[in-house]
Amino acid sequence: MATTAYWPEWSRITCPTLLIQGEHGTMPPDEPATMLTHRPATRLTRIPNAGHDVHLDQPDGLYEAIRTFLA
């Protein structure tokens, strides 16, 4: 899908970050772990029963993940 990696840019982000992954999404299986290696303070949330379009598949789960992160 994506042909360009943005690891240097990802590593320079300094604000609190929530990484949301749909349980059945298109992200390669090892990518979330790699993202967390580059930015350990990132919070990862996996949304059950969701694909790539988490906002369409599980809007309530997405809302709850964001609400909890911002609280």
Protein backbone atom coordinates (compact mmCIF):
# COMPACT_ATOMS: atom_id res chain seq x y z
CA MET A 1 0.00 0.00 0.00
CA ALA A 2 2.24 2.83 1.19
CA THR A 3 5.59 2.96 -0.55
CA THR A 4 7.26 5.58 1.64
CA ALA A 5 8.23 5.14 5.27
CA TYR A 6 8.26 8.18 7.51
CA TRP A 7 10.29 6.86 10.46
CA PRO A 8 12.45 10.01 10.86
CA GLU A 9 9.32 12.19 11.00
CA TRP A 10 7.55 9.77 13.34
CA SER A 11 10.55 9.76 15.67
CA ARG A 12 10.56 13.57 15.92
CA ILE A 13 6.99 13.89 17.20
CA THR A 14 7.07 15.12 20.78
CA CYS A 15 3.41 15.51 21.73
CA PRO A 16 1.38 12.76 23.44
CA THR A 17 0.23 10.33 20.77
CA LEU A 18 -2.48 7.71 20.58
CA LEU A 19 -1.91 5.00 17.98
CA ILE A 20 -5.20 3.36 17.06
CA GLN A 21 -5.23 0.02 15.29
CA GLY A 22 -8.26 -1.86 14.04
CA GLU A 23 -8.11 -5.52 15.02
CA HIS A 24 -8.58 -6.52 11.37
CA GLY A 25 -6.86 -3.51 9.80
CA THR A 26 -4.29 -3.37 7.04
CA MET A 27 -1.27 -2.43 9.17
CA PRO A 28 1.50 -5.04 8.91
CA PRO A 29 1.59 -7.14 12.11
CA ASP A 30 5.03 -5.91 13.23
CA GLU A 31 4.47 -2.22 12.49
CA PRO A 32 2.83 -1.17 15.81
CA ALA A 33 5.77 -2.68 17.75
CA THR A 34 8.21 -0.84 15.48
CA MET A 35 6.30 2.40 15.99
CA LEU A 36 6.46 1.93 19.76
CA THR A 37 10.20 1.19 19.56
CA HIS A 38 10.74 4.54 17.85
CA ARG A 39 8.40 6.36 20.29
CA PRO A 40 7.95 4.34 23.51
CA ALA A 41 5.66 6.92 25.14
CA THR A 42 3.04 6.37 22.44
CA ARG A 43 -0.12 4.69 23.67
CA LEU A 44 -1.40 1.86 21.45
CA THR A 45 -5.08 0.95 21.44
CA ARG A 46 -6.47 -1.92 19.38
CA ILE A 47 -10.15 -1.66 18.57
CA PRO A 48 -11.87 -5.07 18.39
CA ASN A 49 -14.04 -5.97 15.40
CA ALA A 50 -12.68 -3.08 13.32
CA GLY A 51 -10.79 -2.93 10.07
CA HIS A 52 -8.80 -0.03 8.64
CA ASP A 53 -11.78 2.34 8.87
CA VAL A 54 -12.16 2.16 12.65
CA HIS A 55 -14.34 5.28 12.63
CA LEU A 56 -16.85 3.48 10.41
CA ASP A 57 -16.60 -0.01 11.89
CA GLN A 58 -16.57 0.82 15.61
CA PRO A 59 -17.31 4.51 16.17
CA ASP A 60 -18.22 3.97 19.83
CA GLY A 61 -14.97 2.11 20.50
CA LEU A 62 -12.99 4.82 18.76
CA TYR A 63 -14.77 7.52 20.76
CA GLU A 64 -14.05 5.72 24.01
CA ALA A 65 -10.36 5.26 23.13
CA ILE A 66 -9.96 8.95 22.31
CA ARG A 67 -11.99 10.07 25.35
CA THR A 68 -9.84 7.94 27.66
CA PHE A 69 -6.62 9.18 26.09
CA LEU A 70 -7.61 12.84 26.45
CA ALA A 71 -8.85 12.47 30.03
